[in-house]
Amino acid sequence: MKGKRKNVREAVLDILESIEKNQAYSNLLLNNAIEKNNIDPKDIGLLTELVYGTLQRKLTLDFYLKLFIKDSRKLENWVLQLLRMTLYQMVYLDRIPDRAAIFEAVEIAKRRGHKGIAGVVNGVLRSVQREGLPSLDTISDPAERLAIETSHPEWLVKRWVHQFGLDKTKEMCEINLTAPMQTARVNLTRVSVEDCLAALEEEGFAVEPSPILPEAIKCLRGNLASSTAFKYGMLTIQDESSMLAAHALGVEKEENILDACAAPGGKSTHIAERLDDSGKVISLDLHEHKVKLIGQNAQRLGLDNIDARKLDSRSVQEHFEPASFDRILLDAPCSGLGVMRRKPDMKYTKKEEDLTRLQEIQLSLLDAVAPLLKKGGTLVYSTCTLDRSENQETVQLFLEKNPEYTGDRAFQERMPEAVRPLIDDFELQIMPQDFGSDGFYIACLRRKVD
């Protein structure tokens, strides 16, 4: 049963508090809040914008507020969240007048706190309105200024500047502040791209073909997950970058393929579709509920050639014979730094030492699956991150340790034309600013025949 309808800004406040306190995911909390608080459909856009916007800009907002708050440590967390959310409206949302945003904040402070807290909130926000924002030009270090300006942790910005240079890092940080576009992969075993687009347009969606991949479409308006086309298995919600993994694999009919870290099944189902109702995809994941999800996706898409199993891929050699797969995809666990636009809260929870720990896991997975590939077979290693330690360095360490493997330079021919200029030898690194898609890395390796 739906609860009493709640004020949008109070719902935002609850979500922001929960994210910070419990390190919960914003997208899950957002969906729950819409249901639980019986949010008016016309307010869902504002709720979403205030949650994601305040999260996206948190470090910038804190820089601005610092001048007006004597000691933020003395403030209760919800008061700080209220100030951030209101300042976000004042700085970034033209359609909400400052006086309206401040009035709402003070009313919430009165309801949730006491008169003194309402006075503090009013005083801070009126001071900002009167005196204006402090200038970022006072920060002399370019990396530190960029970190505050785009609300990214300073350690991460400095790391990216070292790896990619200041200009590329700036582009990446700026695009991370924008909302991603929803894209989907058309299930070509059921429908053509043209017919799928026509069906979606008839339903009222604004859609267009992707300029990157022949089977992809972009959604300009609406949520494709609620479409009839989705329900009847005509499409899968998937980012364009992620779709490139199946192209890199270069599957052919009747092949036996391993997807070693498969959930929720986007790449497995793409491979199965490219096998065109032949061969077999063995899809593994560590968690039972995620394995179930792969099965549900396969069923919805009408794919019978996926065998989803609960298994830790580090122990695959105990379950499969050596050289038993024609191709292997290892979409490895990673820091996810390429998908920050979708998960803005991620920026503040990652630590530099996480990347070293992840590289160890990635190498152990590569070492585990490597003997299962047939000679002459293809191994694709992919991640949704940008960091060299998890990408190029991990692959280099694997190749040094496994001389029977080499880079597959022929994979360039299998890739869509639009991405070919970004391929370096047997590797492809996509930055979020390249196509507006997720940051993504692919290395295509081949097991030598002799």
Protein backbone atom coordinates (compact mmCIF):
# COMPACT_ATOMS: atom_id res chain seq x y z
CA MET A 1 0.00 0.00 0.00
CA LYS A 2 1.33 3.44 -0.87
CA GLY A 3 2.06 5.76 2.05
CA LYS A 4 1.06 9.34 2.67
CA ARG A 5 2.30 11.69 -0.03
CA LYS A 6 5.54 13.35 1.06
CA ASN A 7 7.07 16.71 0.20
CA VAL A 8 9.59 16.20 -2.65
CA ARG A 9 12.44 17.98 -0.88
CA GLU A 10 11.91 16.00 2.31
CA ALA A 11 12.06 12.79 0.28
CA VAL A 12 15.31 14.02 -1.33
CA LEU A 13 16.72 14.74 2.12
CA ASP A 14 15.92 11.18 3.30
CA ILE A 15 17.65 9.71 0.24
CA LEU A 16 20.77 11.87 0.58
CA GLU A 17 21.05 11.00 4.28
CA SER A 18 20.67 7.29 3.57
CA ILE A 19 23.32 7.35 0.84
CA GLU A 20 25.87 9.03 3.11
CA LYS A 21 25.05 7.03 6.24
CA ASN A 22 24.63 3.56 4.73
CA GLN A 23 26.59 3.91 1.47
CA ALA A 24 23.38 2.78 -0.24
CA TYR A 25 22.96 3.11 -4.02
CA SER A 26 21.14 6.24 -5.18
CA ASN A 27 19.26 4.54 -8.03
CA LEU A 28 17.75 1.90 -5.71
CA LEU A 29 16.82 4.43 -3.03
CA LEU A 30 15.26 6.70 -5.63
CA ASN A 31 12.92 3.97 -6.91
CA ASN A 32 11.95 3.01 -3.34
CA ALA A 33 11.30 6.63 -2.37
CA ILE A 34 9.00 7.22 -5.36
CA GLU A 35 6.93 4.18 -4.33
CA LYS A 36 7.01 4.63 -0.54
CA ASN A 37 6.32 8.37 -0.46
CA ASN A 38 3.63 8.26 -3.12
CA ILE A 39 5.45 11.00 -5.05
CA ASP A 40 3.23 12.84 -7.53
CA PRO A 41 4.27 11.75 -11.07
CA LYS A 42 4.79 15.40 -12.08
CA ASP A 43 7.36 15.75 -9.26
CA ILE A 44 9.45 12.67 -10.11
CA GLY A 45 11.66 14.69 -12.48
CA LEU A 46 12.45 17.24 -9.75
CA LEU A 47 13.11 14.50 -7.17
CA THR A 48 15.54 12.77 -9.54
CA GLU A 49 17.29 16.01 -10.47
CA LEU A 50 17.73 17.13 -6.86
CA VAL A 51 19.13 13.75 -5.73
CA TYR A 52 21.54 13.26 -8.63
CA GLY A 53 22.44 16.95 -8.93
CA THR A 54 23.25 17.37 -5.23
CA LEU A 55 25.31 14.16 -5.33
CA GLN A 56 27.09 15.09 -8.55
CA ARG A 57 28.11 18.52 -7.20
CA LYS A 58 28.71 17.64 -3.52
CA LEU A 59 32.39 18.72 -3.29
CA THR A 60 31.69 21.97 -5.17
CA LEU A 61 28.72 22.75 -2.92
CA ASP A 62 30.83 22.06 0.19
CA PHE A 63 33.53 24.42 -1.11
CA TYR A 64 30.92 27.17 -1.51
CA LEU A 65 29.29 26.49 1.88
CA LYS A 66 32.57 26.36 3.81
CA LEU A 67 32.83 30.17 3.82
CA PHE A 68 29.39 30.54 5.42
CA ILE A 69 29.42 27.73 8.00
CA LYS A 70 31.54 28.29 11.10
CA ASP A 71 31.99 24.58 11.95
CA SER A 72 30.30 21.98 9.75
CA ARG A 73 31.25 19.23 12.23
CA LYS A 74 28.74 20.67 14.70
CA LEU A 75 25.92 20.42 12.16
CA GLU A 76 23.75 17.32 12.12
CA ASN A 77 24.09 15.43 8.83
CA TRP A 78 20.54 16.17 7.69
CA VAL A 79 21.14 19.92 8.12
CA LEU A 80 24.25 19.76 5.93
CA GLN A 81 22.31 17.75 3.32
CA LEU A 82 19.51 20.34 3.43
CA LEU A 83 21.99 23.18 2.85
CA ARG A 84 23.65 21.29 -0.04
CA MET A 85 20.31 20.50 -1.69
CA THR A 86 19.08 24.09 -1.38
CA LEU A 87 22.34 25.60 -2.60
CA TYR A 88 22.22 23.22 -5.58
CA GLN A 89 18.84 24.71 -6.51
CA MET A 90 20.10 28.28 -6.05
CA VAL A 91 23.26 27.76 -8.15
CA TYR A 92 22.21 25.27 -10.82
CA LEU A 93 18.42 25.40 -11.26
CA ASP A 94 17.25 28.62 -12.93
CA ARG A 95 13.57 27.68 -12.80
CA ILE A 96 13.41 27.71 -8.98
CA PRO A 97 13.63 31.24 -7.48
CA ASP A 98 16.12 31.57 -4.60
CA ARG A 99 13.45 32.85 -2.22
CA ALA A 100 11.27 29.78 -2.88
CA ALA A 101 14.20 27.38 -2.35
CA ILE A 102 15.21 29.15 0.90
CA PHE A 103 11.61 29.27 2.18
CA GLU A 104 11.22 25.49 1.60
CA ALA A 105 14.53 24.78 3.38
CA VAL A 106 13.59 26.85 6.44
CA GLU A 107 10.15 25.16 6.64
CA ILE A 108 11.79 21.71 6.54
CA ALA A 109 14.29 22.81 9.21
CA LYS A 110 11.41 23.93 11.45
CA ARG A 111 9.61 20.59 11.03
CA ARG A 112 12.67 18.41 11.52
CA GLY A 113 14.63 20.42 14.05
CA HIS A 114 14.09 23.36 16.36
CA LYS A 115 13.92 27.11 15.95
CA GLY A 116 17.70 27.49 16.31
CA ILE A 117 18.40 25.11 13.41
CA ALA A 118 15.87 26.91 11.20
CA GLY A 119 17.70 30.17 12.05
CA VAL A 120 21.08 28.67 11.09
CA VAL A 121 19.72 27.36 7.76
CA ASN A 122 18.09 30.73 6.99
CA GLY A 123 21.23 32.65 8.01
CA VAL A 124 23.62 30.57 5.88
CA LEU A 125 21.44 30.66 2.77
CA ARG A 126 20.64 34.39 3.07
CA SER A 127 24.39 35.11 3.43
CA VAL A 128 25.10 33.15 0.23
CA GLN A 129 22.33 35.07 -1.55
CA ARG A 130 23.65 38.42 -0.28
CA GLU A 131 27.43 37.90 -0.63
CA GLY A 132 27.62 35.57 -3.63
CA LEU A 133 29.77 32.47 -4.12
CA PRO A 134 33.51 32.31 -3.38
CA SER A 135 35.68 32.13 -6.50
CA LEU A 136 37.38 28.88 -7.55
CA ASP A 137 40.23 31.02 -8.91
CA THR A 138 41.63 31.18 -5.38
CA ILE A 139 42.79 27.54 -5.89
CA SER A 140 46.17 27.75 -7.64
CA ASP A 141 46.82 24.03 -8.30
CA PRO A 142 45.06 23.11 -11.63
CA ALA A 143 44.26 19.51 -10.59
CA GLU A 144 42.90 20.59 -7.20
CA ARG A 145 40.79 23.31 -8.84
CA LEU A 146 39.43 20.83 -11.39
CA ALA A 147 38.59 18.40 -8.56
CA ILE A 148 36.53 21.03 -6.72
CA GLU A 149 35.04 22.54 -9.88
CA THR A 150 33.74 19.16 -11.14
CA SER A 151 33.30 17.52 -7.71
CA HIS A 152 35.70 14.59 -8.12
CA PRO A 153 38.07 13.33 -5.40
CA GLU A 154 41.45 15.03 -5.70
CA TRP A 155 43.40 11.73 -5.66
CA LEU A 156 41.39 10.53 -8.66
CA VAL A 157 41.80 13.73 -10.68
CA LYS A 158 45.56 13.72 -10.04
CA ARG A 159 45.76 10.07 -11.04
CA TRP A 160 43.85 10.76 -14.28
CA VAL A 161 45.96 13.84 -15.06
CA HIS A 162 49.06 11.64 -14.71
CA GLN A 163 47.57 8.96 -16.99
CA PHE A 164 45.68 11.03 -19.59
CA GLY A 165 46.81 14.66 -19.24
CA LEU A 166 44.87 17.66 -17.91
CA ASP A 167 42.75 18.35 -21.03
CA LYS A 168 41.37 14.80 -21.36
CA THR A 169 40.77 14.63 -17.61
CA LYS A 170 38.86 17.94 -17.70
CA GLU A 171 36.64 16.67 -20.54
CA MET A 172 35.98 13.44 -18.64
CA CYS A 173 35.18 15.16 -15.33
CA GLU A 174 32.81 17.58 -17.08
CA ILE A 175 30.88 14.88 -18.92
CA ASN A 176 30.57 12.95 -15.66
CA LEU A 177 28.34 15.79 -14.44
CA THR A 178 25.82 15.21 -17.25
CA ALA A 179 22.97 12.69 -17.38
CA PRO A 180 23.65 9.60 -19.52
CA MET A 181 21.36 8.78 -22.43
CA GLN A 182 19.49 5.48 -22.32
CA THR A 183 20.48 3.11 -25.12
CA ALA A 184 19.27 -0.36 -26.00
CA ARG A 185 20.26 -3.35 -28.12
CA VAL A 186 17.68 -4.67 -30.55
CA ASN A 187 17.19 -8.46 -30.42
CA LEU A 188 17.81 -9.20 -34.11
CA THR A 189 16.65 -12.82 -33.67
CA ARG A 190 13.13 -11.40 -33.15
CA VAL A 191 12.85 -8.07 -34.94
CA SER A 192 14.74 -5.70 -37.25
CA VAL A 193 16.06 -2.37 -35.96
CA GLU A 194 13.64 -0.52 -38.27
CA ASP A 195 10.59 -2.45 -37.02
CA CYS A 196 11.66 -2.05 -33.39
CA LEU A 197 12.06 1.72 -33.82
CA ALA A 198 8.65 1.91 -35.50
CA ALA A 199 7.01 -0.08 -32.67
CA LEU A 200 8.58 2.19 -30.03
CA GLU A 201 7.57 5.37 -31.86
CA GLU A 202 4.01 4.05 -32.03
CA GLU A 203 4.14 3.64 -28.24
CA GLY A 204 5.16 7.30 -27.88
CA PHE A 205 8.91 6.94 -27.35
CA ALA A 206 11.38 9.28 -29.06
CA VAL A 207 14.07 6.95 -30.42
CA GLU A 208 16.75 6.92 -33.13
CA PRO A 209 19.34 4.47 -34.47
CA SER A 210 22.79 4.58 -32.90
CA PRO A 211 25.60 6.02 -35.04
CA ILE A 212 28.04 3.60 -33.35
CA LEU A 213 26.55 0.09 -33.60
CA PRO A 214 24.13 -1.37 -36.17
CA GLU A 215 21.98 -3.15 -33.54
CA ALA A 216 21.80 -0.25 -31.05
CA ILE A 217 19.19 2.46 -30.59
CA LYS A 218 19.12 5.66 -28.51
CA CYS A 219 16.15 6.78 -26.44
CA LEU A 220 15.61 10.55 -26.41
CA ARG A 221 12.38 10.44 -24.39
CA GLY A 222 10.80 7.83 -22.12
CA ASN A 223 12.09 4.77 -20.26
CA LEU A 224 12.44 1.79 -22.61
CA ALA A 225 12.21 -0.68 -19.70
CA SER A 226 8.49 0.19 -19.48
CA SER A 227 7.85 -0.41 -23.20
CA THR A 228 5.84 -3.25 -24.72
CA ALA A 229 8.82 -3.88 -27.00
CA PHE A 230 10.96 -4.59 -23.90
CA LYS A 231 8.29 -6.83 -22.37
CA TYR A 232 8.11 -8.94 -25.52
CA GLY A 233 11.87 -9.37 -25.80
CA MET A 234 12.56 -7.07 -28.74
CA LEU A 235 15.31 -5.22 -26.89
CA THR A 236 17.72 -5.13 -23.95
CA ILE A 237 18.73 -1.97 -22.06
CA GLN A 238 22.51 -1.80 -22.52
CA ASP A 239 25.14 0.87 -22.98
CA GLU A 240 26.75 1.10 -26.43
CA SER A 241 30.27 0.65 -25.00
CA SER A 242 29.20 -2.57 -23.31
CA MET A 243 27.80 -3.92 -26.61
CA LEU A 244 31.27 -3.75 -28.15
CA ALA A 245 32.48 -6.73 -26.08
CA ALA A 246 30.40 -9.20 -28.13
CA HIS A 247 31.72 -7.67 -31.36
CA ALA A 248 35.31 -8.05 -30.12
CA LEU A 249 34.61 -11.72 -29.35
CA GLY A 250 33.73 -12.36 -33.02
CA VAL A 251 31.41 -15.31 -32.34
CA GLU A 252 30.57 -17.79 -35.07
CA LYS A 253 27.69 -20.28 -35.26
CA GLU A 254 27.77 -23.50 -33.20
CA GLU A 255 30.57 -22.29 -30.91
CA ASN A 256 30.87 -23.05 -27.21
CA ILE A 257 31.43 -19.78 -25.33
CA LEU A 258 32.17 -18.94 -21.70
CA ASP A 259 31.01 -15.68 -20.14
CA ALA A 260 32.92 -15.85 -16.87
CA CYS A 261 31.39 -12.92 -14.92
CA ALA A 262 28.06 -12.67 -16.63
CA ALA A 263 25.40 -10.99 -14.46
CA PRO A 264 23.00 -9.39 -15.17
CA GLY A 265 23.38 -11.04 -18.58
CA GLY A 266 23.57 -8.17 -21.09
CA LYS A 267 26.71 -9.48 -22.77
CA SER A 268 25.66 -13.16 -22.48
CA THR A 269 22.36 -12.48 -24.24
CA HIS A 270 24.15 -10.40 -26.90
CA ILE A 271 26.54 -13.31 -27.58
CA ALA A 272 23.61 -15.75 -27.67
CA GLU A 273 21.78 -13.54 -30.18
CA ARG A 274 24.91 -13.39 -32.38
CA LEU A 275 25.11 -17.20 -32.26
CA ASP A 276 21.66 -17.07 -33.91
CA ASP A 277 19.95 -19.92 -32.08
CA SER A 278 23.00 -22.19 -32.26
CA GLY A 279 25.95 -23.12 -30.02
CA LYS A 280 25.99 -22.51 -26.28
CA VAL A 281 26.86 -19.72 -23.84
CA ILE A 282 27.87 -20.85 -20.36
CA SER A 283 27.18 -17.83 -18.12
CA LEU A 284 28.68 -17.81 -14.64
CA ASP A 285 28.13 -15.62 -11.62
CA LEU A 286 28.97 -15.81 -7.94
CA HIS A 287 25.47 -14.97 -6.63
CA GLU A 288 22.33 -17.05 -6.96
CA HIS A 289 19.95 -14.07 -7.39
CA LYS A 290 22.12 -12.72 -10.21
CA VAL A 291 22.19 -16.10 -11.96
CA LYS A 292 18.39 -16.07 -11.78
CA LEU A 293 18.44 -12.63 -13.42
CA ILE A 294 20.48 -13.98 -16.37
CA GLY A 295 17.92 -16.78 -16.80
CA GLN A 296 15.01 -14.32 -16.70
CA ASN A 297 16.64 -12.09 -19.32
CA ALA A 298 17.31 -15.07 -21.60
CA GLN A 299 13.71 -16.22 -21.24
CA ARG A 300 12.28 -12.77 -22.02
CA LEU A 301 14.45 -12.58 -25.16
CA GLY A 302 13.51 -16.12 -26.25
CA LEU A 303 17.09 -17.42 -26.09
CA ASP A 304 17.50 -21.16 -25.40
CA ASN A 305 21.28 -21.32 -25.85
CA ILE A 306 22.28 -19.85 -22.45
CA ASP A 307 23.22 -22.07 -19.53
CA ALA A 308 23.47 -19.85 -16.40
CA ARG A 309 25.28 -21.33 -13.39
CA LYS A 310 26.23 -20.16 -9.89
CA LEU A 311 30.00 -20.48 -9.76
CA ASP A 312 33.09 -18.54 -8.67
CA SER A 313 35.04 -18.20 -11.91
CA ARG A 314 38.30 -18.53 -10.00
CA SER A 315 37.45 -22.24 -9.61
CA VAL A 316 36.39 -22.94 -13.22
CA GLN A 317 39.21 -25.44 -13.78
CA GLU A 318 37.51 -27.80 -11.30
CA HIS A 319 34.30 -27.78 -13.40
CA PHE A 320 35.39 -27.61 -17.06
CA GLU A 321 37.92 -29.50 -19.17
CA PRO A 322 41.02 -27.70 -20.48
CA ALA A 323 40.61 -26.25 -23.99
CA SER A 324 36.81 -26.75 -23.93
CA PHE A 325 35.71 -23.28 -25.12
CA ASP A 326 36.03 -21.65 -28.54
CA ARG A 327 35.88 -18.15 -27.05
CA ILE A 328 35.89 -16.68 -23.55
CA LEU A 329 34.65 -13.32 -22.31
CA LEU A 330 35.95 -12.08 -18.97
CA ASP A 331 34.10 -8.87 -18.12
CA ALA A 332 36.03 -8.49 -14.90
CA PRO A 333 34.99 -6.94 -11.58
CA CYS A 334 36.42 -3.42 -11.60
CA SER A 335 36.29 0.01 -9.96
CA GLY A 336 33.53 1.11 -12.39
CA LEU A 337 35.14 4.52 -12.91
CA GLY A 338 33.68 4.60 -16.44
CA VAL A 339 30.06 4.61 -15.22
CA MET A 340 30.17 7.50 -12.74
CA ARG A 341 27.40 9.36 -14.56
CA ARG A 342 25.02 6.53 -13.69
CA LYS A 343 26.27 6.19 -10.10
CA PRO A 344 27.42 9.63 -8.90
CA ASP A 345 27.68 8.47 -5.27
CA MET A 346 30.49 6.12 -6.36
CA LYS A 347 32.92 9.04 -6.62
CA TYR A 348 33.03 9.51 -2.88
CA THR A 349 33.33 5.88 -1.77
CA LYS A 350 36.22 4.67 -3.95
CA LYS A 351 39.73 4.68 -2.54
CA GLU A 352 43.02 4.50 -4.41
CA GLU A 353 44.02 1.25 -2.69
CA ASP A 354 40.83 -0.41 -4.05
CA LEU A 355 42.40 -0.39 -7.51
CA THR A 356 45.39 -2.50 -6.41
CA ARG A 357 43.12 -5.04 -4.73
CA LEU A 358 40.97 -5.26 -7.87
CA GLN A 359 43.98 -5.90 -10.09
CA GLU A 360 44.80 -8.98 -7.98
CA ILE A 361 41.26 -10.32 -8.48
CA GLN A 362 41.38 -9.57 -12.22
CA LEU A 363 44.68 -11.43 -12.67
CA SER A 364 43.45 -14.43 -10.68
CA LEU A 365 40.36 -14.61 -12.92
CA LEU A 366 42.44 -14.37 -16.11
CA ASP A 367 44.78 -17.10 -14.86
CA ALA A 368 41.78 -19.31 -13.99
CA VAL A 369 39.99 -19.07 -17.36
CA ALA A 370 43.08 -19.08 -19.64
CA PRO A 371 43.60 -22.91 -19.77
CA LEU A 372 39.94 -23.44 -20.74
CA LEU A 373 40.36 -21.78 -24.15
CA LYS A 374 41.08 -23.87 -27.24
CA LYS A 375 44.28 -23.15 -29.17
CA GLY A 376 43.56 -20.48 -31.74
CA GLY A 377 40.62 -19.28 -29.63
CA THR A 378 39.79 -15.72 -28.57
CA LEU A 379 39.82 -14.33 -25.02
CA VAL A 380 38.26 -10.89 -24.51
CA TYR A 381 39.07 -9.06 -21.28
CA SER A 382 36.84 -6.06 -20.59
CA THR A 383 36.07 -3.59 -17.80
CA CYS A 384 33.85 -0.53 -17.35
CA THR A 385 36.73 1.49 -15.95
CA LEU A 386 39.43 3.84 -17.26
CA ASP A 387 42.33 3.16 -14.95
CA ARG A 388 45.50 1.79 -16.52
CA SER A 389 46.27 -0.41 -13.51
CA GLU A 390 43.05 -2.38 -14.05
CA ASN A 391 43.28 -2.33 -17.83
CA GLN A 392 46.55 -2.13 -19.79
CA GLU A 393 48.75 -3.08 -16.83
CA THR A 394 46.60 -6.08 -15.87
CA VAL A 395 46.69 -7.38 -19.45
CA GLN A 396 50.44 -6.79 -19.73
CA LEU A 397 51.09 -8.74 -16.51
CA PHE A 398 48.89 -11.60 -17.78
CA LEU A 399 50.72 -11.77 -21.14
CA GLU A 400 54.11 -11.79 -19.43
CA LYS A 401 53.01 -14.73 -17.28
CA ASN A 402 51.23 -16.62 -20.09
CA PRO A 403 53.48 -16.77 -23.18
CA GLU A 404 50.97 -19.02 -25.00
CA TYR A 405 48.76 -15.91 -25.31
CA THR A 406 49.25 -12.93 -27.60
CA GLY A 407 47.36 -9.78 -28.57
CA ASP A 408 44.80 -10.35 -31.36
CA ARG A 409 45.44 -7.51 -33.79
CA ALA A 410 42.82 -8.83 -36.23
CA PHE A 411 40.00 -7.81 -33.89
CA GLN A 412 39.99 -4.32 -35.41
CA GLU A 413 38.23 -5.75 -38.48
CA ARG A 414 35.43 -7.16 -36.32
CA MET A 415 34.69 -3.84 -34.64
CA PRO A 416 32.18 -1.24 -35.88
CA GLU A 417 33.85 1.38 -38.07
CA ALA A 418 33.12 4.27 -35.70
CA VAL A 419 35.36 2.87 -32.94
CA ARG A 420 38.27 1.67 -35.09
CA PRO A 421 40.26 4.94 -34.82
CA LEU A 422 40.36 4.44 -31.03
CA ILE A 423 41.90 0.95 -31.25
CA ASP A 424 45.54 0.74 -30.28
CA ASP A 425 47.01 -2.58 -31.48
CA PHE A 426 44.80 -5.16 -29.69
CA GLU A 427 43.28 -2.77 -27.13
CA LEU A 428 40.39 -0.32 -27.12
CA GLN A 429 39.87 2.34 -24.45
CA ILE A 430 36.66 4.33 -24.73
CA MET A 431 36.40 7.51 -22.69
CA PRO A 432 32.93 8.83 -21.72
CA GLN A 433 33.53 11.92 -23.89
CA ASP A 434 34.29 9.88 -27.05
CA PHE A 435 30.66 8.97 -27.87
CA GLY A 436 28.75 10.00 -24.75
CA SER A 437 28.69 6.32 -23.75
CA ASP A 438 30.23 4.68 -20.67
CA GLY A 439 33.99 4.58 -20.18
CA PHE A 440 35.01 1.05 -21.23
CA TYR A 441 38.12 -1.02 -21.95
CA ILE A 442 38.54 -4.08 -24.19
CA ALA A 443 41.64 -6.20 -24.82
CA CYS A 444 41.37 -8.96 -27.40
CA LEU A 445 43.80 -11.86 -26.86
CA ARG A 446 44.41 -15.06 -28.80
CA ARG A 447 45.76 -18.40 -27.64
CA LYS A 448 48.58 -19.42 -29.95
CA VAL A 449 48.12 -22.53 -32.05
CA ASP A 450 51.67 -23.85 -31.43
